Amino acid sequence: MDKEGHDYFFHNPTPEIEQLINSLKKITNEEHKLRSVHKLDMEDRFLCKIALGFGFKFLGDDFLNSNYAMELQKALWEKDPCKRRQYKIHGTGFMHEKNIVDDILSWEGGHVLLFKINNGKLSLALSIFGKFGGYILISDEPALLKNMKLPIDEEGSVFIIIPQRDICIGPISLPSYISHKVGNIKIEQLSKIESLKIDISKLPPCQ
């Protein structure tokens, strides 16, 4: 549960499920216990894979031969979390405490990718379904950026992906994206996908 009191993983059972649980209790007449196992570092390898994919897509073959890309590859295939932490990977997983940057970047029901270049380094900040934020450095070699296949706005470029609608929008400059979110301006592309939102409480119940 986050600091706002939202629980994204576990919810109280519906009346129908509660009735089923009570029926099972009467039948078995015993207490059941559930143990759930989660890998706290599960996002590390995912972020390395994301960085390698976008690095190759935007920077080409030379990226894969760079020292940092090799570190990403080692971390990706390393199964031991303790050994993986020894590699020089710069990033932040999804399990950190939510902050104002996560709130600004997030888009409800969609994924947000923010590509940014700073001091010759290419980085990616991402928000998954508006709930979880992460960061990964893609490349730390300025020479690789000379043949960049994706034009990045000097303030950062934002892409929004809505899987359920098969929609991808971008690039949008970071200042414009923020201005739209706080209501200072309206970006037609973003207004269109906002209009697609529905009130889930009006959906028919699950059977």
C-alpha atoms as a PDB file:
ATOM      1  CA  MET A   1       0.000   0.000   0.000  1.00  0.00           C
ATOM      2  CA  ASP A   2       1.400   3.407  -0.930  1.00  0.00           C
ATOM      3  CA  LYS A   3       1.403   6.579   1.169  1.00  0.00           C
ATOM      4  CA  GLU A   4      -1.911   7.682  -0.370  1.00  0.00           C
ATOM      5  CA  GLY A   5      -3.534   4.474   0.865  1.00  0.00           C
ATOM      6  CA  HIS A   6      -3.852   2.818  -2.545  1.00  0.00           C
ATOM      7  CA  ASP A   7      -3.347  -0.917  -2.692  1.00  0.00           C
ATOM      8  CA  TYR A   8      -2.343  -1.940  -6.230  1.00  0.00           C
ATOM      9  CA  PHE A   9      -1.839  -5.639  -5.564  1.00  0.00           C
ATOM     10  CA  PHE A  10      -4.428  -6.882  -3.092  1.00  0.00           C
ATOM     11  CA  HIS A  11      -8.082  -5.964  -2.758  1.00  0.00           C
ATOM     12  CA  ASN A  12     -10.910  -7.019  -0.450  1.00  0.00           C
ATOM     13  CA  PRO A  13     -12.936  -9.893  -1.891  1.00  0.00           C
ATOM     14  CA  THR A  14     -16.231  -9.116  -3.586  1.00  0.00           C
ATOM     15  CA  PRO A  15     -19.454 -10.350  -1.889  1.00  0.00           C
ATOM     16  CA  GLU A  16     -19.577 -13.290  -4.314  1.00  0.00           C
ATOM     17  CA  ILE A  17     -15.994 -14.308  -3.551  1.00  0.00           C
ATOM     18  CA  GLU A  18     -16.581 -13.819   0.178  1.00  0.00           C
ATOM     19  CA  GLN A  19     -19.520 -16.209  -0.007  1.00  0.00           C
ATOM     20  CA  LEU A  20     -17.363 -18.772  -1.816  1.00  0.00           C
ATOM     21  CA  ILE A  21     -14.614 -18.442   0.801  1.00  0.00           C
ATOM     22  CA  ASN A  22     -17.082 -19.007   3.624  1.00  0.00           C
ATOM     23  CA  SER A  23     -18.452 -22.096   1.848  1.00  0.00           C
ATOM     24  CA  LEU A  24     -14.953 -23.532   1.485  1.00  0.00           C
ATOM     25  CA  LYS A  25     -14.246 -22.886   5.167  1.00  0.00           C
ATOM     26  CA  LYS A  26     -17.315 -24.897   6.149  1.00  0.00           C
ATOM     27  CA  ILE A  27     -16.324 -27.773   3.877  1.00  0.00           C
ATOM     28  CA  THR A  28     -12.684 -28.045   4.946  1.00  0.00           C
ATOM     29  CA  ASN A  29     -13.172 -26.906   8.552  1.00  0.00           C
ATOM     30  CA  GLU A  30      -9.573 -25.779   8.762  1.00  0.00           C
ATOM     31  CA  GLU A  31      -7.515 -22.618   8.344  1.00  0.00           C
ATOM     32  CA  HIS A  32      -5.673 -22.140   5.072  1.00  0.00           C
ATOM     33  CA  LYS A  33      -2.442 -20.204   4.775  1.00  0.00           C
ATOM     34  CA  LEU A  34      -0.939 -18.624   1.699  1.00  0.00           C
ATOM     35  CA  ARG A  35       2.694 -17.783   1.175  1.00  0.00           C
ATOM     36  CA  SER A  36       3.609 -15.406  -1.623  1.00  0.00           C
ATOM     37  CA  VAL A  37       7.202 -15.121  -2.834  1.00  0.00           C
ATOM     38  CA  HIS A  38       8.380 -12.027  -4.696  1.00  0.00           C
ATOM     39  CA  LYS A  39      11.793 -11.194  -6.093  1.00  0.00           C
ATOM     40  CA  LEU A  40      12.513  -7.681  -4.875  1.00  0.00           C
ATOM     41  CA  ASP A  41      15.061  -7.150  -7.644  1.00  0.00           C
ATOM     42  CA  MET A  42      12.832  -8.479 -10.424  1.00  0.00           C
ATOM     43  CA  GLU A  43      12.875  -5.126 -12.251  1.00  0.00           C
ATOM     44  CA  ASP A  44      16.675  -4.961 -12.519  1.00  0.00           C
ATOM     45  CA  ARG A  45      16.999  -7.371 -15.433  1.00  0.00           C
ATOM     46  CA  PHE A  46      13.910  -5.883 -17.090  1.00  0.00           C
ATOM     47  CA  LEU A  47      15.439  -2.390 -17.034  1.00  0.00           C
ATOM     48  CA  CYS A  48      18.725  -3.724 -18.438  1.00  0.00           C
ATOM     49  CA  LYS A  49      16.822  -5.368 -21.283  1.00  0.00           C
ATOM     50  CA  ILE A  50      14.921  -2.143 -21.958  1.00  0.00           C
ATOM     51  CA  ALA A  51      18.178  -0.136 -22.035  1.00  0.00           C
ATOM     52  CA  LEU A  52      19.845  -2.593 -24.409  1.00  0.00           C
ATOM     53  CA  GLY A  53      16.843  -2.611 -26.732  1.00  0.00           C
ATOM     54  CA  PHE A  54      16.510   1.146 -27.022  1.00  0.00           C
ATOM     55  CA  GLY A  55      20.285   1.609 -27.108  1.00  0.00           C
ATOM     56  CA  PHE A  56      20.598  -0.643 -30.134  1.00  0.00           C
ATOM     57  CA  LYS A  57      17.499   0.849 -31.773  1.00  0.00           C
ATOM     58  CA  PHE A  58      18.669   4.451 -31.441  1.00  0.00           C
ATOM     59  CA  LEU A  59      22.479   4.137 -31.464  1.00  0.00           C
ATOM     60  CA  GLY A  60      23.143   1.096 -33.642  1.00  0.00           C
ATOM     61  CA  ASP A  61      25.817  -1.595 -33.578  1.00  0.00           C
ATOM     62  CA  ASP A  62      28.471   0.656 -32.056  1.00  0.00           C
ATOM     63  CA  PHE A  63      26.381   0.866 -28.902  1.00  0.00           C
ATOM     64  CA  LEU A  64      26.513  -2.895 -28.365  1.00  0.00           C
ATOM     65  CA  ASN A  65      30.317  -2.751 -28.389  1.00  0.00           C
ATOM     66  CA  SER A  66      30.464   0.033 -25.794  1.00  0.00           C
ATOM     67  CA  ASN A  67      31.725  -0.678 -22.271  1.00  0.00           C
ATOM     68  CA  TYR A  68      28.429   0.298 -20.653  1.00  0.00           C
ATOM     69  CA  ALA A  69      26.372  -1.897 -22.998  1.00  0.00           C
ATOM     70  CA  MET A  70      28.592  -4.826 -22.040  1.00  0.00           C
ATOM     71  CA  GLU A  71      27.883  -4.104 -18.374  1.00  0.00           C
ATOM     72  CA  LEU A  72      24.163  -4.095 -19.171  1.00  0.00           C
ATOM     73  CA  GLN A  73      24.476  -7.463 -20.900  1.00  0.00           C
ATOM     74  CA  LYS A  74      26.334  -8.982 -17.956  1.00  0.00           C
ATOM     75  CA  ALA A  75      23.745  -7.667 -15.501  1.00  0.00           C
ATOM     76  CA  LEU A  76      20.917  -8.918 -17.695  1.00  0.00           C
ATOM     77  CA  TRP A  77      22.150 -12.506 -17.622  1.00  0.00           C
ATOM     78  CA  GLU A  78      23.410 -12.537 -14.040  1.00  0.00           C
ATOM     79  CA  LYS A  79      21.044 -14.600 -11.875  1.00  0.00           C
ATOM     80  CA  ASP A  80      22.665 -13.784  -8.550  1.00  0.00           C
ATOM     81  CA  PRO A  81      21.274 -10.435  -7.268  1.00  0.00           C
ATOM     82  CA  CYS A  82      24.361  -9.791  -5.122  1.00  0.00           C
ATOM     83  CA  LYS A  83      26.711 -10.281  -8.054  1.00  0.00           C
ATOM     84  CA  ARG A  84      24.453  -8.188 -10.304  1.00  0.00           C
ATOM     85  CA  ARG A  85      24.776  -5.213  -7.960  1.00  0.00           C
ATOM     86  CA  GLN A  86      28.535  -5.242  -8.551  1.00  0.00           C
ATOM     87  CA  TYR A  87      28.110  -4.220 -12.180  1.00  0.00           C
ATOM     88  CA  LYS A  88      28.297  -0.492 -12.900  1.00  0.00           C
ATOM     89  CA  ILE A  89      24.656  -0.004 -13.889  1.00  0.00           C
ATOM     90  CA  HIS A  90      23.021   3.331 -13.167  1.00  0.00           C
ATOM     91  CA  GLY A  91      19.301   3.218 -12.477  1.00  0.00           C
ATOM     92  CA  THR A  92      16.443   3.017 -10.012  1.00  0.00           C
ATOM     93  CA  GLY A  93      13.948   0.163  -9.828  1.00  0.00           C
ATOM     94  CA  PHE A  94      10.181   0.341  -9.492  1.00  0.00           C
ATOM     95  CA  MET A  95      10.058  -0.339  -5.762  1.00  0.00           C
ATOM     96  CA  HIS A  96      11.301   3.048  -4.571  1.00  0.00           C
ATOM     97  CA  GLU A  97       8.941   5.368  -2.725  1.00  0.00           C
ATOM     98  CA  LYS A  98       6.744   7.296  -5.135  1.00  0.00           C
ATOM     99  CA  ASN A  99       7.839  10.912  -5.593  1.00  0.00           C
ATOM    100  CA  ILE A 100       6.775  14.081  -7.398  1.00  0.00           C
ATOM    101  CA  VAL A 101       8.700  13.065 -10.544  1.00  0.00           C
ATOM    102  CA  ASP A 102       6.669   9.855 -10.742  1.00  0.00           C
ATOM    103  CA  ASP A 103       3.452  11.869 -10.375  1.00  0.00           C
ATOM    104  CA  ILE A 104       4.429  14.340 -13.102  1.00  0.00           C
ATOM    105  CA  LEU A 105       5.552  11.662 -15.548  1.00  0.00           C
ATOM    106  CA  SER A 106       2.749   9.140 -15.007  1.00  0.00           C
ATOM    107  CA  TRP A 107      -0.242   8.688 -17.285  1.00  0.00           C
ATOM    108  CA  GLU A 108      -3.211   6.755 -15.930  1.00  0.00           C
ATOM    109  CA  GLY A 109      -3.719   3.482 -17.793  1.00  0.00           C
ATOM    110  CA  GLY A 110      -0.633   3.900 -19.980  1.00  0.00           C
ATOM    111  CA  HIS A 111       3.141   3.696 -20.113  1.00  0.00           C
ATOM    112  CA  VAL A 112       5.264   6.839 -20.366  1.00  0.00           C
ATOM    113  CA  LEU A 113       8.827   6.894 -21.713  1.00  0.00           C
ATOM    114  CA  LEU A 114      10.995   9.966 -21.179  1.00  0.00           C
ATOM    115  CA  PHE A 115      14.264  10.032 -23.120  1.00  0.00           C
ATOM    116  CA  LYS A 116      16.732  12.656 -22.025  1.00  0.00           C
ATOM    117  CA  ILE A 117      20.281  13.651 -22.939  1.00  0.00           C
ATOM    118  CA  ASN A 118      22.411  15.263 -20.262  1.00  0.00           C
ATOM    119  CA  ASN A 119      26.187  15.815 -20.451  1.00  0.00           C
ATOM    120  CA  GLY A 120      26.471  13.430 -23.370  1.00  0.00           C
ATOM    121  CA  LYS A 121      24.567  10.645 -21.600  1.00  0.00           C
ATOM    122  CA  LEU A 122      21.287   9.137 -22.824  1.00  0.00           C
ATOM    123  CA  SER A 123      18.847   8.052 -20.122  1.00  0.00           C
ATOM    124  CA  LEU A 124      15.306   6.727 -19.900  1.00  0.00           C
ATOM    125  CA  ALA A 125      12.739   7.380 -17.182  1.00  0.00           C
ATOM    126  CA  LEU A 126       9.602   5.318 -17.475  1.00  0.00           C
ATOM    127  CA  SER A 127       6.252   4.984 -15.776  1.00  0.00           C
ATOM    128  CA  ILE A 128       4.328   1.704 -16.011  1.00  0.00           C
ATOM    129  CA  PHE A 129       0.528   2.099 -16.106  1.00  0.00           C
ATOM    130  CA  GLY A 130       0.890   5.304 -14.092  1.00  0.00           C
ATOM    131  CA  LYS A 131       1.743   3.272 -10.954  1.00  0.00           C
ATOM    132  CA  PHE A 132       5.432   2.382 -10.985  1.00  0.00           C
ATOM    133  CA  GLY A 133       8.343   4.581 -11.980  1.00  0.00           C
ATOM    134  CA  GLY A 134      11.882   3.542 -12.883  1.00  0.00           C
ATOM    135  CA  TYR A 135      15.058   4.981 -14.370  1.00  0.00           C
ATOM    136  CA  ILE A 136      17.942   3.506 -16.369  1.00  0.00           C
ATOM    137  CA  LEU A 137      21.008   4.976 -18.033  1.00  0.00           C
ATOM    138  CA  ILE A 138      21.183   3.777 -21.654  1.00  0.00           C
ATOM    139  CA  SER A 139      24.569   5.125 -22.724  1.00  0.00           C
ATOM    140  CA  ASP A 140      27.345   7.165 -21.157  1.00  0.00           C
ATOM    141  CA  GLU A 141      29.423   7.723 -24.314  1.00  0.00           C
ATOM    142  CA  PRO A 142      28.836  11.135 -26.013  1.00  0.00           C
ATOM    143  CA  ALA A 143      30.395   9.962 -29.303  1.00  0.00           C
ATOM    144  CA  LEU A 144      27.547   7.483 -29.811  1.00  0.00           C
ATOM    145  CA  LEU A 145      24.969  10.271 -29.792  1.00  0.00           C
ATOM    146  CA  LYS A 146      26.314  11.859 -32.980  1.00  0.00           C
ATOM    147  CA  ASN A 147      24.395   9.363 -35.130  1.00  0.00           C
ATOM    148  CA  MET A 148      21.313   9.241 -32.895  1.00  0.00           C
ATOM    149  CA  LYS A 149      18.373   7.814 -34.861  1.00  0.00           C
ATOM    150  CA  LEU A 150      15.793   9.512 -32.641  1.00  0.00           C
ATOM    151  CA  PRO A 151      15.705  13.310 -32.337  1.00  0.00           C
ATOM    152  CA  ILE A 152      15.619  14.137 -28.620  1.00  0.00           C
ATOM    153  CA  ASP A 153      14.386  17.544 -27.504  1.00  0.00           C
ATOM    154  CA  GLU A 154      17.011  19.304 -25.384  1.00  0.00           C
ATOM    155  CA  GLU A 155      14.534  19.320 -22.472  1.00  0.00           C
ATOM    156  CA  GLY A 156      13.570  15.667 -22.999  1.00  0.00           C
ATOM    157  CA  SER A 157      11.175  13.778 -25.286  1.00  0.00           C
ATOM    158  CA  VAL A 158       8.085  11.955 -24.021  1.00  0.00           C
ATOM    159  CA  PHE A 159       6.266   9.008 -25.588  1.00  0.00           C
ATOM    160  CA  ILE A 160       2.959   7.619 -24.315  1.00  0.00           C
ATOM    161  CA  ILE A 161       1.893   4.032 -24.995  1.00  0.00           C
ATOM    162  CA  ILE A 162      -1.679   2.831 -24.395  1.00  0.00           C
ATOM    163  CA  PRO A 163      -1.541  -0.969 -24.955  1.00  0.00           C
ATOM    164  CA  GLN A 164      -5.296  -1.493 -24.631  1.00  0.00           C
ATOM    165  CA  ARG A 165      -5.947   0.963 -27.475  1.00  0.00           C
ATOM    166  CA  ASP A 166      -2.886   0.063 -29.559  1.00  0.00           C
ATOM    167  CA  ILE A 167      -1.784   3.713 -29.371  1.00  0.00           C
ATOM    168  CA  CYS A 168       1.677   5.282 -29.256  1.00  0.00           C
ATOM    169  CA  ILE A 169       2.038   9.064 -29.188  1.00  0.00           C
ATOM    170  CA  GLY A 170       5.233  11.106 -29.376  1.00  0.00           C
ATOM    171  CA  PRO A 171       7.721  12.560 -29.271  1.00  0.00           C
ATOM    172  CA  ILE A 172       6.355  15.422 -27.163  1.00  0.00           C
ATOM    173  CA  SER A 173       8.759  17.801 -25.454  1.00  0.00           C
ATOM    174  CA  LEU A 174       8.813  17.365 -21.677  1.00  0.00           C
ATOM    175  CA  PRO A 175       7.841  21.019 -20.943  1.00  0.00           C
ATOM    176  CA  SER A 176       4.826  20.723 -23.271  1.00  0.00           C
ATOM    177  CA  TYR A 177       3.795  17.430 -21.681  1.00  0.00           C
ATOM    178  CA  ILE A 178       3.957  18.897 -18.175  1.00  0.00           C
ATOM    179  CA  SER A 179       2.103  22.047 -19.281  1.00  0.00           C
ATOM    180  CA  HIS A 180      -0.720  19.890 -20.647  1.00  0.00           C
ATOM    181  CA  LYS A 181      -0.939  17.842 -17.449  1.00  0.00           C
ATOM    182  CA  VAL A 182      -1.194  20.905 -15.211  1.00  0.00           C
ATOM    183  CA  GLY A 183      -3.734  22.535 -17.539  1.00  0.00           C
ATOM    184  CA  ASN A 184      -1.656  25.423 -18.898  1.00  0.00           C
ATOM    185  CA  ILE A 185      -1.981  24.280 -22.515  1.00  0.00           C
ATOM    186  CA  LYS A 186      -3.887  21.629 -24.438  1.00  0.00           C
ATOM    187  CA  ILE A 187      -2.142  19.205 -26.785  1.00  0.00           C
ATOM    188  CA  GLU A 188      -4.619  17.742 -29.260  1.00  0.00           C
ATOM    189  CA  GLN A 189      -3.040  14.263 -29.297  1.00  0.00           C
ATOM    190  CA  LEU A 190      -3.187  14.011 -25.506  1.00  0.00           C
ATOM    191  CA  SER A 191      -6.709  15.419 -25.321  1.00  0.00           C
ATOM    192  CA  LYS A 192      -7.872  12.711 -27.744  1.00  0.00           C
ATOM    193  CA  ILE A 193      -6.568   9.845 -25.642  1.00  0.00           C
ATOM    194  CA  GLU A 194      -7.958  11.483 -22.492  1.00  0.00           C
ATOM    195  CA  SER A 195     -11.386  11.443 -24.142  1.00  0.00           C
ATOM    196  CA  LEU A 196     -11.119   7.645 -24.490  1.00  0.00           C
ATOM    197  CA  LYS A 197     -11.168   7.116 -20.721  1.00  0.00           C
ATOM    198  CA  ILE A 198     -14.265   5.486 -19.312  1.00  0.00           C
ATOM    199  CA  ASP A 199     -15.744   5.176 -15.831  1.00  0.00           C
ATOM    200  CA  ILE A 200     -14.928   1.557 -14.890  1.00  0.00           C
ATOM    201  CA  SER A 201     -17.719   1.580 -12.294  1.00  0.00           C
ATOM    202  CA  LYS A 202     -20.179   1.603 -15.192  1.00  0.00           C
ATOM    203  CA  LEU A 203     -18.814  -1.594 -16.696  1.00  0.00           C
ATOM    204  CA  PRO A 204     -20.915  -4.763 -16.306  1.00  0.00           C
ATOM    205  CA  PRO A 205     -19.867  -7.009 -13.376  1.00  0.00           C
ATOM    206  CA  CYS A 206     -17.557  -9.968 -13.915  1.00  0.00           C
ATOM    207  CA  GLN A 207     -19.380 -13.279 -14.207  1.00  0.00           C
END
